[in-house]
Amino acid sequence: AVVGLRRWGLPRWLAVTTVALGIVVMFGGVLLALIPPLVTQTST
């Protein structure tokens, strides 16, 4: 993915930052999807 972004003209540091932010956002989405149901079901 970093190589693909560099082909679009982005410098390497910006390509790495973009991919890293994508990983963090995806990981945060997984936590937001799993933690609330787990807490709700446990309290119930």
Full PDB file with SEQRES, HELIX, SHEET, SSBOND, CRYST1, ORIGX, SCALE, CONECT and MASTER records, all heavy atoms in Angstrom:
SEQRES   1 A   44  ALA VAL VAL GLY LEU ARG ARG TRP GLY LEU PRO ARG TRP          
SEQRES   2 A   44  LEU ALA VAL THR THR VAL ALA LEU GLY ILE VAL VAL MET          
SEQRES   3 A   44  PHE GLY GLY VAL LEU LEU ALA LEU ILE PRO PRO LEU VAL          
SEQRES   4 A   44  THR GLN THR SER THR                                          
HELIX    1 AA1 VAL A    2  ARG A    7  1                                   6    
HELIX    2 AA2 ARG A   12  SER A   43  1                                  32    
CRYST1    1.000    1.000    1.000  90.00  90.00  90.00 P 1           1          
ORIGX1      1.000000  0.000000  0.000000        0.00000                         
ORIGX2      0.000000  1.000000  0.000000        0.00000                         
ORIGX3      0.000000  0.000000  1.000000        0.00000                         
SCALE1      1.000000  0.000000  0.000000        0.00000                         
SCALE2      0.000000  1.000000  0.000000        0.00000                         
SCALE3      0.000000  0.000000  1.000000        0.00000                         
ATOM      1  N   ALA A   1       0.827  -1.211   0.000  1.00  0.00           N  
ATOM      2  CA  ALA A   1       0.000   0.000   0.000  1.00  0.00           C  
ATOM      3  C   ALA A   1       0.858   1.256   0.000  1.00  0.00           C  
ATOM      4  O   ALA A   1       0.528   2.251  -0.665  1.00  0.00           O  
ATOM      5  CB  ALA A   1      -0.927  -0.006   1.215  1.00  0.00           C  
ATOM      6  N   VAL A   2       1.979   1.231   0.736  1.00  0.00           N  
ATOM      7  CA  VAL A   2       2.884   2.381   0.757  1.00  0.00           C  
ATOM      8  C   VAL A   2       3.460   2.636  -0.640  1.00  0.00           C  
ATOM      9  O   VAL A   2       3.523   3.783  -1.107  1.00  0.00           O  
ATOM     10  CB  VAL A   2       4.009   2.153   1.782  1.00  0.00           C  
ATOM     11  CG1 VAL A   2       5.023   3.283   1.722  1.00  0.00           C  
ATOM     12  CG2 VAL A   2       3.437   2.044   3.189  1.00  0.00           C  
ATOM     13  N   VAL A   3       3.863   1.585  -1.319  1.00  0.00           N  
ATOM     14  CA  VAL A   3       4.397   1.729  -2.682  1.00  0.00           C  
ATOM     15  C   VAL A   3       3.331   2.278  -3.630  1.00  0.00           C  
ATOM     16  O   VAL A   3       3.603   3.134  -4.480  1.00  0.00           O  
ATOM     17  CB  VAL A   3       4.927   0.370  -3.176  1.00  0.00           C  
ATOM     18  CG1 VAL A   3       5.326   0.446  -4.652  1.00  0.00           C  
ATOM     19  CG2 VAL A   3       6.127  -0.066  -2.343  1.00  0.00           C  
ATOM     20  N   GLY A   4       2.091   1.799  -3.457  1.00  0.00           N  
ATOM     21  CA  GLY A   4       1.012   2.320  -4.295  1.00  0.00           C  
ATOM     22  C   GLY A   4       0.764   3.806  -4.078  1.00  0.00           C  
ATOM     23  O   GLY A   4       0.547   4.559  -5.037  1.00  0.00           O  
ATOM     24  N   LEU A   5       0.805   4.257  -2.816  1.00  0.00           N  
ATOM     25  CA  LEU A   5       0.627   5.681  -2.546  1.00  0.00           C  
ATOM     26  C   LEU A   5       1.789   6.502  -3.077  1.00  0.00           C  
ATOM     27  O   LEU A   5       1.599   7.641  -3.541  1.00  0.00           O  
ATOM     28  CB  LEU A   5       0.473   5.898  -1.039  1.00  0.00           C  
ATOM     29  CG  LEU A   5      -0.824   5.362  -0.405  1.00  0.00           C  
ATOM     30  CD1 LEU A   5      -0.808   5.569   1.100  1.00  0.00           C  
ATOM     31  CD2 LEU A   5      -2.044   6.036  -1.021  1.00  0.00           C  
ATOM     32  N   ARG A   6       2.991   5.953  -3.045  1.00  0.00           N  
ATOM     33  CA  ARG A   6       4.146   6.681  -3.587  1.00  0.00           C  
ATOM     34  C   ARG A   6       4.049   6.823  -5.107  1.00  0.00           C  
ATOM     35  O   ARG A   6       4.533   7.805  -5.670  1.00  0.00           O  
ATOM     36  CB  ARG A   6       5.433   5.965  -3.205  1.00  0.00           C  
ATOM     37  CG  ARG A   6       5.731   5.999  -1.715  1.00  0.00           C  
ATOM     38  CD  ARG A   6       7.164   5.602  -1.441  1.00  0.00           C  
ATOM     39  NE  ARG A   6       8.092   6.573  -2.013  1.00  0.00           N  
ATOM     40  CZ  ARG A   6       9.414   6.421  -2.031  1.00  0.00           C  
ATOM     41  NH1 ARG A   6       9.954   5.329  -1.511  1.00  0.00           N  
ATOM     42  NH2 ARG A   6      10.202   7.329  -2.558  1.00  0.00           N  
ATOM     43  N   ARG A   7       3.417   5.866  -5.761  1.00  0.00           N  
ATOM     44  CA  ARG A   7       3.225   5.987  -7.212  1.00  0.00           C  
ATOM     45  C   ARG A   7       2.272   7.120  -7.549  1.00  0.00           C  
ATOM     46  O   ARG A   7       2.298   7.648  -8.672  1.00  0.00           O  
ATOM     47  CB  ARG A   7       2.698   4.665  -7.770  1.00  0.00           C  
ATOM     48  CG  ARG A   7       3.725   3.541  -7.757  1.00  0.00           C  
ATOM     49  CD  ARG A   7       3.113   2.239  -8.231  1.00  0.00           C  
ATOM     50  NE  ARG A   7       4.091   1.155  -8.199  1.00  0.00           N  
ATOM     51  CZ  ARG A   7       3.783  -0.125  -8.425  1.00  0.00           C  
ATOM     52  NH1 ARG A   7       2.519  -0.474  -8.712  1.00  0.00           N  
ATOM     53  NH2 ARG A   7       4.726  -1.045  -8.376  1.00  0.00           N  
ATOM     54  N   TRP A   8       1.401   7.471  -6.605  1.00  0.00           N  
ATOM     55  CA  TRP A   8       0.503   8.604  -6.828  1.00  0.00           C  
ATOM     56  C   TRP A   8       1.188   9.940  -6.576  1.00  0.00           C  
ATOM     57  O   TRP A   8       0.551  10.990  -6.710  1.00  0.00           O  
ATOM     58  CB  TRP A   8      -0.716   8.483  -5.917  1.00  0.00           C  
ATOM     59  CG  TRP A   8      -1.621   7.353  -6.293  1.00  0.00           C  
ATOM     60  CD1 TRP A   8      -1.527   6.549  -7.386  1.00  0.00           C  
ATOM     61  CD2 TRP A   8      -2.773   6.903  -5.569  1.00  0.00           C  
ATOM     62  NE1 TRP A   8      -2.533   5.608  -7.387  1.00  0.00           N  
ATOM     63  CE2 TRP A   8      -3.320   5.806  -6.293  1.00  0.00           C  
ATOM     64  CE3 TRP A   8      -3.392   7.307  -4.398  1.00  0.00           C  
ATOM     65  CZ2 TRP A   8      -4.447   5.132  -5.872  1.00  0.00           C  
ATOM     66  CZ3 TRP A   8      -4.524   6.631  -3.973  1.00  0.00           C  
ATOM     67  CH2 TRP A   8      -5.046   5.552  -4.708  1.00  0.00           C  
ATOM     68  N   GLY A   9       2.458   9.924  -6.189  1.00  0.00           N  
ATOM     69  CA  GLY A   9       3.197  11.157  -5.984  1.00  0.00           C  
ATOM     70  C   GLY A   9       3.411  11.555  -4.550  1.00  0.00           C  
ATOM     71  O   GLY A   9       4.015  12.606  -4.290  1.00  0.00           O  
ATOM     72  N   LEU A  10       2.946  10.770  -3.582  1.00  0.00           N  
ATOM     73  CA  LEU A  10       3.131  11.109  -2.179  1.00  0.00           C  
ATOM     74  C   LEU A  10       4.554  10.776  -1.740  1.00  0.00           C  
ATOM     75  O   LEU A  10       5.110   9.754  -2.160  1.00  0.00           O  
ATOM     76  CB  LEU A  10       2.139  10.348  -1.297  1.00  0.00           C  
ATOM     77  CG  LEU A  10       0.758  10.973  -1.075  1.00  0.00           C  
ATOM     78  CD1 LEU A  10      -0.061  10.909  -2.360  1.00  0.00           C  
ATOM     79  CD2 LEU A  10       0.016  10.241   0.044  1.00  0.00           C  
ATOM     80  N   PRO A  11       5.169  11.613  -0.892  1.00  0.00           N  
ATOM     81  CA  PRO A  11       6.470  11.227  -0.318  1.00  0.00           C  
ATOM     82  C   PRO A  11       6.303  10.044   0.628  1.00  0.00           C  
ATOM     83  O   PRO A  11       5.198   9.750   1.102  1.00  0.00           O  
ATOM     84  CB  PRO A  11       6.913  12.486   0.431  1.00  0.00           C  
ATOM     85  CG  PRO A  11       5.656  13.255   0.675  1.00  0.00           C  
ATOM     86  CD  PRO A  11       4.743  12.950  -0.469  1.00  0.00           C  
ATOM     87  N   ARG A  12       7.424   9.392   0.911  1.00  0.00           N  
ATOM     88  CA  ARG A  12       7.324   8.152   1.693  1.00  0.00           C  
ATOM     89  C   ARG A  12       6.772   8.402   3.092  1.00  0.00           C  
ATOM     90  O   ARG A  12       5.965   7.624   3.590  1.00  0.00           O  
ATOM     91  CB  ARG A  12       8.691   7.467   1.767  1.00  0.00           C  
ATOM     92  CG  ARG A  12       8.621   6.141   2.519  1.00  0.00           C  
ATOM     93  CD  ARG A  12       9.852   5.299   2.398  1.00  0.00           C  
ATOM     94  NE  ARG A  12       9.657   4.022   3.065  1.00  0.00           N  
ATOM     95  CZ  ARG A  12       9.053   2.977   2.544  1.00  0.00           C  
ATOM     96  NH1 ARG A  12       8.588   3.037   1.317  1.00  0.00           N  
ATOM     97  NH2 ARG A  12       8.908   1.851   3.222  1.00  0.00           N  
ATOM     98  N   TRP A  13       7.201   9.498   3.728  1.00  0.00           N  
ATOM     99  CA  TRP A  13       6.735   9.736   5.088  1.00  0.00           C  
ATOM    100  C   TRP A  13       5.225   9.951   5.121  1.00  0.00           C  
ATOM    101  O   TRP A  13       4.534   9.479   6.029  1.00  0.00           O  
ATOM    102  CB  TRP A  13       7.458  10.939   5.695  1.00  0.00           C  
ATOM    103  CG  TRP A  13       7.108  12.262   5.045  1.00  0.00           C  
ATOM    104  CD1 TRP A  13       7.742  12.853   4.007  1.00  0.00           C  
ATOM    105  CD2 TRP A  13       6.032  13.127   5.416  1.00  0.00           C  
ATOM    106  NE1 TRP A  13       7.137  14.045   3.680  1.00  0.00           N  
ATOM    107  CE2 TRP A  13       6.082  14.249   4.547  1.00  0.00           C  
ATOM    108  CE3 TRP A  13       5.034  13.084   6.390  1.00  0.00           C  
ATOM    109  CZ2 TRP A  13       5.178  15.295   4.619  1.00  0.00           C  
ATOM    110  CZ3 TRP A  13       4.123  14.128   6.472  1.00  0.00           C  
ATOM    111  CH2 TRP A  13       4.201  15.219   5.598  1.00  0.00           C  
ATOM    112  N   LEU A  14       4.692  10.636   4.100  1.00  0.00           N  
ATOM    113  CA  LEU A  14       3.252  10.859   4.048  1.00  0.00           C  
ATOM    114  C   LEU A  14       2.500   9.564   3.721  1.00  0.00           C  
ATOM    115  O   LEU A  14       1.409   9.306   4.263  1.00  0.00           O  
ATOM    116  CB  LEU A  14       2.931  11.931   3.013  1.00  0.00           C  
ATOM    117  CG  LEU A  14       1.457  12.361   2.917  1.00  0.00           C  
ATOM    118  CD1 LEU A  14       0.952  12.849   4.265  1.00  0.00           C  
ATOM    119  CD2 LEU A  14       1.296  13.443   1.852  1.00  0.00           C  
ATOM    120  N   ALA A  15       3.085   8.731   2.849  1.00  0.00           N  
ATOM    121  CA  ALA A  15       2.452   7.447   2.539  1.00  0.00           C  
ATOM    122  C   ALA A  15       2.411   6.546   3.773  1.00  0.00           C  
ATOM    123  O   ALA A  15       1.383   5.912   4.062  1.00  0.00           O  
ATOM    124  CB  ALA A  15       3.206   6.767   1.394  1.00  0.00           C  
ATOM    125  N   VAL A  16       3.530   6.484   4.517  1.00  0.00           N  
ATOM    126  CA  VAL A  16       3.558   5.677   5.737  1.00  0.00           C  
ATOM    127  C   VAL A  16       2.569   6.217   6.762  1.00  0.00           C  
ATOM    128  O   VAL A  16       1.853   5.453   7.432  1.00  0.00           O  
ATOM    129  CB  VAL A  16       4.991   5.649   6.315  1.00  0.00           C  
ATOM    130  CG1 VAL A  16       5.000   4.975   7.682  1.00  0.00           C  
ATOM    131  CG2 VAL A  16       5.922   4.912   5.362  1.00  0.00           C  
ATOM    132  N   THR A  17       2.490   7.542   6.902  1.00  0.00           N  
ATOM    133  CA  THR A  17       1.539   8.140   7.845  1.00  0.00           C  
ATOM    134  C   THR A  17       0.104   7.822   7.466  1.00  0.00           C  
ATOM    135  O   THR A  17      -0.735   7.509   8.333  1.00  0.00           O  
ATOM    136  CB  THR A  17       1.745   9.658   7.889  1.00  0.00           C  
ATOM    137  OG1 THR A  17       3.104   9.947   8.232  1.00  0.00           O  
ATOM    138  CG2 THR A  17       0.822  10.302   8.904  1.00  0.00           C  
ATOM    139  N   THR A  18      -0.206   7.861   6.173  1.00  0.00           N  
ATOM    140  CA  THR A  18      -1.568   7.552   5.719  1.00  0.00           C  
ATOM    141  C   THR A  18      -1.940   6.111   6.019  1.00  0.00           C  
ATOM    142  O   THR A  18      -3.034   5.823   6.529  1.00  0.00           O  
ATOM    143  CB  THR A  18      -1.690   7.832   4.214  1.00  0.00           C  
ATOM    144  OG1 THR A  18      -1.320   9.187   3.941  1.00  0.00           O  
ATOM    145  CG2 THR A  18      -3.104   7.585   3.736  1.00  0.00           C  
ATOM    146  N   VAL A  19      -1.033   5.198   5.720  1.00  0.00           N  
ATOM    147  CA  VAL A  19      -1.313   3.779   5.997  1.00  0.00           C  
ATOM    148  C   VAL A  19      -1.432   3.543   7.497  1.00  0.00           C  
ATOM    149  O   VAL A  19      -2.307   2.793   7.959  1.00  0.00           O  
ATOM    150  CB  VAL A  19      -0.211   2.896   5.383  1.00  0.00           C  
ATOM    151  CG1 VAL A  19      -0.413   1.443   5.769  1.00  0.00           C  
ATOM    152  CG2 VAL A  19      -0.202   3.029   3.865  1.00  0.00           C  
ATOM    153  N   ALA A  20      -0.566   4.176   8.298  1.00  0.00           N  
ATOM    154  CA  ALA A  20      -0.620   4.004   9.746  1.00  0.00           C  
ATOM    155  C   ALA A  20      -1.941   4.533  10.307  1.00  0.00           C  
ATOM    156  O   ALA A  20      -2.569   3.893  11.173  1.00  0.00           O  
ATOM    157  CB  ALA A  20       0.554   4.721  10.406  1.00  0.00           C  
ATOM    158  N   LEU A  21      -2.396   5.694   9.828  1.00  0.00           N  
ATOM    159  CA  LEU A  21      -3.692   6.224  10.278  1.00  0.00           C  
ATOM    160  C   LEU A  21      -4.833   5.289   9.879  1.00  0.00           C  
ATOM    161  O   LEU A  21      -5.792   5.106  10.636  1.00  0.00           O  
ATOM    162  CB  LEU A  21      -3.915   7.617   9.690  1.00  0.00           C  
ATOM    163  CG  LEU A  21      -3.040   8.741  10.270  1.00  0.00           C  
ATOM    164  CD1 LEU A  21      -3.309  10.053   9.541  1.00  0.00           C  
ATOM    165  CD2 LEU A  21      -3.294   8.889  11.764  1.00  0.00           C  
ATOM    166  N   GLY A  22      -4.719   4.696   8.699  1.00  0.00           N  
ATOM    167  CA  GLY A  22      -5.739   3.725   8.293  1.00  0.00           C  
ATOM    168  C   GLY A  22      -5.789   2.527   9.227  1.00  0.00           C  
ATOM    169  O   GLY A  22      -6.879   2.041   9.579  1.00  0.00           O  
ATOM    170  N   ILE A  23      -4.610   2.046   9.653  1.00  0.00           N  
ATOM    171  CA  ILE A  23      -4.573   0.918  10.591  1.00  0.00           C  
ATOM    172  C   ILE A  23      -5.206   1.302  11.923  1.00  0.00           C  
ATOM    173  O   ILE A  23      -6.007   0.543  12.501  1.00  0.00           O  
ATOM    174  CB  ILE A  23      -3.124   0.458  10.802  1.00  0.00           C  
ATOM    175  CG1 ILE A  23      -2.531  -0.076   9.508  1.00  0.00           C  
ATOM    176  CG2 ILE A  23      -3.047  -0.620  11.869  1.00  0.00           C  
ATOM    177  CD1 ILE A  23      -1.059  -0.396   9.610  1.00  0.00           C  
ATOM    178  N   VAL A  24      -4.867   2.496  12.423  1.00  0.00           N  
ATOM    179  CA  VAL A  24      -5.418   2.939  13.712  1.00  0.00           C  
ATOM    180  C   VAL A  24      -6.935   3.094  13.626  1.00  0.00           C  
ATOM    181  O   VAL A  24      -7.673   2.685  14.540  1.00  0.00           O  
ATOM    182  CB  VAL A  24      -4.745   4.253  14.139  1.00  0.00           C  
ATOM    183  CG1 VAL A  24      -5.417   4.825  15.381  1.00  0.00           C  
ATOM    184  CG2 VAL A  24      -3.263   4.034  14.409  1.00  0.00           C  
ATOM    185  N   VAL A  25      -7.425   3.664  12.536  1.00  0.00           N  
ATOM    186  CA  VAL A  25      -8.874   3.838  12.370  1.00  0.00           C  
ATOM    187  C   VAL A  25      -9.574   2.484  12.295  1.00  0.00           C  
ATOM    188  O   VAL A  25     -10.631   2.274  12.910  1.00  0.00           O  
ATOM    189  CB  VAL A  25      -9.160   4.687  11.118  1.00  0.00           C  
ATOM    190  CG1 VAL A  25     -10.646   4.668  10.778  1.00  0.00           C  
ATOM    191  CG2 VAL A  25      -8.688   6.117  11.332  1.00  0.00           C  
ATOM    192  N   MET A  26      -8.998   1.545  11.561  1.00  0.00           N  
ATOM    193  CA  MET A  26      -9.604   0.215  11.459  1.00  0.00           C  
ATOM    194  C   MET A  26      -9.616  -0.492  12.808  1.00  0.00           C  
ATOM    195  O   MET A  26     -10.620  -1.094  13.196  1.00  0.00           O  
ATOM    196  CB  MET A  26      -8.842  -0.619  10.426  1.00  0.00           C  
ATOM    197  CG  MET A  26      -9.436  -1.988  10.179  1.00  0.00           C  
ATOM    198  SD  MET A  26      -8.561  -2.886   8.875  1.00  0.00           S  
ATOM    199  CE  MET A  26      -6.961  -3.088   9.633  1.00  0.00           C  
ATOM    200  N   PHE A  27      -8.512  -0.389  13.544  1.00  0.00           N  
ATOM    201  CA  PHE A  27      -8.451  -1.004  14.867  1.00  0.00           C  
ATOM    202  C   PHE A  27      -9.457  -0.358  15.823  1.00  0.00           C  
ATOM    203  O   PHE A  27     -10.126  -1.044  16.597  1.00  0.00           O  
ATOM    204  CB  PHE A  27      -7.033  -0.876  15.421  1.00  0.00           C  
ATOM    205  CG  PHE A  27      -6.854  -1.481  16.779  1.00  0.00           C  
ATOM    206  CD1 PHE A  27      -6.909  -2.851  16.967  1.00  0.00           C  
ATOM    207  CD2 PHE A  27      -6.649  -0.667  17.881  1.00  0.00           C  
ATOM    208  CE1 PHE A  27      -6.752  -3.403  18.231  1.00  0.00           C  
ATOM    209  CE2 PHE A  27      -6.484  -1.206  19.140  1.00  0.00           C  
ATOM    210  CZ  PHE A  27      -6.536  -2.575  19.311  1.00  0.00           C  
ATOM    211  N   GLY A  28      -9.577   0.976  15.763  1.00  0.00           N  
ATOM    212  CA  GLY A  28     -10.574   1.648  16.595  1.00  0.00           C  
ATOM    213  C   GLY A  28     -11.991   1.244  16.234  1.00  0.00           C  
ATOM    214  O   GLY A  28     -12.850   1.091  17.115  1.00  0.00           O  
ATOM    215  N   GLY A  29     -12.257   1.057  14.939  1.00  0.00           N  
ATOM    216  CA  GLY A  29     -13.585   0.604  14.535  1.00  0.00           C  
ATOM    217  C   GLY A  29     -13.912  -0.784  15.051  1.00  0.00           C  
ATOM    218  O   GLY A  29     -15.052  -1.060  15.463  1.00  0.00           O  
ATOM    219  N   VAL A  30     -12.906  -1.675  15.047  1.00  0.00           N  
ATOM    220  CA  VAL A  30     -13.132  -3.026  15.596  1.00  0.00           C  
ATOM    221  C   VAL A  30     -13.454  -2.951  17.084  1.00  0.00           C  
ATOM    222  O   VAL A  30     -14.383  -3.621  17.575  1.00  0.00           O  
ATOM    223  CB  VAL A  30     -11.890  -3.898  15.338  1.00  0.00           C  
ATOM    224  CG1 VAL A  30     -12.010  -5.221  16.089  1.00  0.00           C  
ATOM    225  CG2 VAL A  30     -11.726  -4.161  13.856  1.00  0.00           C  
ATOM    226  N   LEU A  31     -12.714  -2.116  17.824  1.00  0.00           N  
ATOM    227  CA  LEU A  31     -12.988  -1.988  19.265  1.00  0.00           C  
ATOM    228  C   LEU A  31     -14.366  -1.394  19.515  1.00  0.00           C  
ATOM    229  O   LEU A  31     -15.104  -1.861  20.398  1.00  0.00           O  
ATOM    230  CB  LEU A  31     -11.909  -1.108  19.912  1.00  0.00           C  
ATOM    231  CG  LEU A  31     -10.503  -1.696  19.978  1.00  0.00           C  
ATOM    232  CD1 LEU A  31      -9.560  -0.722  20.672  1.00  0.00           C  
ATOM    233  CD2 LEU A  31     -10.497  -3.038  20.720  1.00  0.00           C  
ATOM    234  N   LEU A  32     -14.734  -0.359  18.749  1.00  0.00           N  
ATOM    235  CA  LEU A  32     -16.052   0.240  18.934  1.00  0.00           C  
ATOM    236  C   LEU A  32     -17.175  -0.724  18.569  1.00  0.00           C  
ATOM    237  O   LEU A  32     -18.289  -0.616  19.100  1.00  0.00           O  
ATOM    238  CB  LEU A  32     -16.166   1.509  18.077  1.00  0.00           C  
ATOM    239  CG  LEU A  32     -15.309   2.705  18.527  1.00  0.00           C  
ATOM    240  CD1 LEU A  32     -15.455   3.863  17.551  1.00  0.00           C  
ATOM    241  CD2 LEU A  32     -15.687   3.130  19.936  1.00  0.00           C  
ATOM    242  N   ALA A  33     -16.889  -1.662  17.679  1.00  0.00           N  
ATOM    243  CA  ALA A  33     -17.912  -2.636  17.301  1.00  0.00           C  
ATOM    244  C   ALA A  33     -18.057  -3.747  18.330  1.00  0.00           C  
ATOM    245  O   ALA A  33     -19.158  -4.269  18.530  1.00  0.00           O  
ATOM    246  CB  ALA A  33     -17.590  -3.233  15.931  1.00  0.00           C  
ATOM    247  N   LEU A  34     -16.958  -4.121  19.002  1.00  0.00           N  
ATOM    248  CA  LEU A  34     -16.998  -5.285  19.888  1.00  0.00           C  
ATOM    249  C   LEU A  34     -17.218  -4.929  21.353  1.00  0.00           C  
ATOM    250  O   LEU A  34     -17.892  -5.673  22.077  1.00  0.00           O  
ATOM    251  CB  LEU A  34     -15.685  -6.079  19.750  1.00  0.00           C  
ATOM    252  CG  LEU A  34     -15.415  -6.711  18.387  1.00  0.00           C  
ATOM    253  CD1 LEU A  34     -14.091  -7.447  18.397  1.00  0.00           C  
ATOM    254  CD2 LEU A  34     -16.541  -7.648  17.987  1.00  0.00           C  
ATOM    255  N   ILE A  35     -16.652  -3.821  21.821  1.00  0.00           N  
ATOM    256  CA  ILE A  35     -16.714  -3.524  23.260  1.00  0.00           C  
ATOM    257  C   ILE A  35     -18.126  -3.181  23.736  1.00  0.00           C  
ATOM    258  O   ILE A  35     -18.580  -3.732  24.759  1.00  0.00           O  
ATOM    259  CB  ILE A  35     -15.717  -2.397  23.600  1.00  0.00           C  
ATOM    260  CG1 ILE A  35     -14.287  -2.927  23.461  1.00  0.00           C  
ATOM    261  CG2 ILE A  35     -15.944  -1.874  25.010  1.00  0.00           C  
ATOM    262  CD1 ILE A  35     -13.221  -1.900  23.764  1.00  0.00           C  
ATOM    263  N   PRO A  36     -18.886  -2.282  23.068  1.00  0.00           N  
ATOM    264  CA  PRO A  36     -20.233  -1.983  23.591  1.00  0.00           C  
ATOM    265  C   PRO A  36     -21.151  -3.200  23.705  1.00  0.00           C  
ATOM    266  O   PRO A  36     -21.799  -3.371  24.746  1.00  0.00           O  
ATOM    267  CB  PRO A  36     -20.773  -0.947  22.589  1.00  0.00           C  
ATOM    268  CG  PRO A  36     -19.555  -0.301  22.034  1.00  0.00           C  
ATOM    269  CD  PRO A  36     -18.540  -1.389  21.947  1.00  0.00           C  
ATOM    270  N   PRO A  37     -21.244  -4.085  22.696  1.00  0.00           N  
ATOM    271  CA  PRO A  37     -22.086  -5.275  22.905  1.00  0.00           C  
ATOM    272  C   PRO A  37     -21.586  -6.153  24.041  1.00  0.00           C  
ATOM    273  O   PRO A  37     -22.399  -6.714  24.794  1.00  0.00           O  
ATOM    274  CB  PRO A  37     -21.990  -6.006  21.555  1.00  0.00           C  
ATOM    275  CG  PRO A  37     -21.610  -4.967  20.583  1.00  0.00           C  
ATOM    276  CD  PRO A  37     -20.741  -4.023  21.319  1.00  0.00           C  
ATOM    277  N   LEU A  38     -20.269  -6.278  24.195  1.00  0.00           N  
ATOM    278  CA  LEU A  38     -19.739  -7.110  25.270  1.00  0.00           C  
ATOM    279  C   LEU A  38     -20.111  -6.534  26.632  1.00  0.00           C  
ATOM    280  O   LEU A  38     -20.548  -7.265  27.530  1.00  0.00           O  
ATOM    281  CB  LEU A  38     -18.221  -7.211  25.129  1.00  0.00           C  
ATOM    282  CG  LEU A  38     -17.487  -8.063  26.167  1.00  0.00           C  
ATOM    283  CD1 LEU A  38     -17.962  -9.507  26.101  1.00  0.00           C  
ATOM    284  CD2 LEU A  38     -15.977  -7.984  25.960  1.00  0.00           C  
ATOM    285  N   VAL A  39     -19.966  -5.228  26.792  1.00  0.00           N  
ATOM    286  CA  VAL A  39     -20.320  -4.596  28.067  1.00  0.00           C  
ATOM    287  C   VAL A  39     -21.813  -4.710  28.325  1.00  0.00           C  
ATOM    288  O   VAL A  39     -22.255  -5.013  29.449  1.00  0.00           O  
ATOM    289  CB  VAL A  39     -19.859  -3.122  28.063  1.00  0.00           C  
ATOM    290  CG1 VAL A  39     -20.354  -2.400  29.304  1.00  0.00           C  
ATOM    291  CG2 VAL A  39     -18.343  -3.041  27.971  1.00  0.00           C  
ATOM    292  N   THR A  40     -22.614  -4.486  27.286  1.00  0.00           N  
ATOM    293  CA  THR A  40     -24.070  -4.552  27.458  1.00  0.00           C  
ATOM    294  C   THR A  40     -24.531  -5.952  27.832  1.00  0.00           C  
ATOM    295  O   THR A  40     -25.340  -6.137  28.760  1.00  0.00           O  
ATOM    296  CB  THR A  40     -24.758  -4.092  26.165  1.00  0.00           C  
ATOM    297  OG1 THR A  40     -24.317  -2.772  25.837  1.00  0.00           O  
ATOM    298  CG2 THR A  40     -26.265  -4.101  26.327  1.00  0.00           C  
ATOM    299  N   GLN A  41     -24.018  -6.954  27.138  1.00  0.00           N  
ATOM    300  CA  GLN A  41     -24.419  -8.325  27.430  1.00  0.00           C  
ATOM    301  C   GLN A  41     -23.946  -8.755  28.808  1.00  0.00           C  
ATOM    302  O   GLN A  41     -24.655  -9.473  29.523  1.00  0.00           O  
ATOM    303  CB  GLN A  41     -23.855  -9.263  26.352  1.00  0.00           C  
ATOM    304  CG  GLN A  41     -24.443  -9.051  24.976  1.00  0.00           C  
ATOM    305  CD  GLN A  41     -25.924  -9.359  24.918  1.00  0.00           C  
ATOM    306  OE1 GLN A  41     -26.420 -10.234  25.622  1.00  0.00           O  
ATOM    307  NE2 GLN A  41     -26.642  -8.614  24.089  1.00  0.00           N  
ATOM    308  N   THR A  42     -22.761  -8.318  29.206  1.00  0.00           N  
ATOM    309  CA  THR A  42     -22.263  -8.690  30.534  1.00  0.00           C  
ATOM    310  C   THR A  42     -23.109  -8.072  31.632  1.00  0.00           C  
ATOM    311  O   THR A  42     -23.480  -8.745  32.613  1.00  0.00           O  
ATOM    312  CB  THR A  42     -20.796  -8.239  30.680  1.00  0.00           C  
ATOM    313  OG1 THR A  42     -20.022  -8.828  29.639  1.00  0.00           O  
ATOM    314  CG2 THR A  42     -20.246  -8.671  32.033  1.00  0.00           C  
ATOM    315  N   SER A  43     -23.445  -6.782  31.501  1.00  0.00           N  
ATOM    316  CA  SER A  43     -24.288  -6.142  32.515  1.00  0.00           C  
ATOM    317  C   SER A  43     -25.685  -6.754  32.550  1.00  0.00           C  
ATOM    318  O   SER A  43     -26.269  -6.933  33.629  1.00  0.00           O  
ATOM    319  CB  SER A  43     -24.377  -4.641  32.232  1.00  0.00           C  
ATOM    320  OG  SER A  43     -24.966  -4.401  30.958  1.00  0.00           O  
ATOM    321  N   THR A  44     -26.216  -7.100  31.382  1.00  0.00           N  
ATOM    322  CA  THR A  44     -27.529  -7.748  31.347  1.00  0.00           C  
ATOM    323  C   THR A  44     -27.499  -9.103  32.040  1.00  0.00           C  
ATOM    324  O   THR A  44     -28.427  -9.472  32.782  1.00  0.00           O  
ATOM    325  CB  THR A  44     -27.994  -7.907  29.891  1.00  0.00           C  
ATOM    326  OG1 THR A  44     -28.021  -6.622  29.263  1.00  0.00           O  
ATOM    327  CG2 THR A  44     -29.379  -8.529  29.820  1.00  0.00           C  
TER     328      THR A  44                                                      
MASTER        0    0    0    2    0    0    0    6  327    1    0    4          
END                                                                             
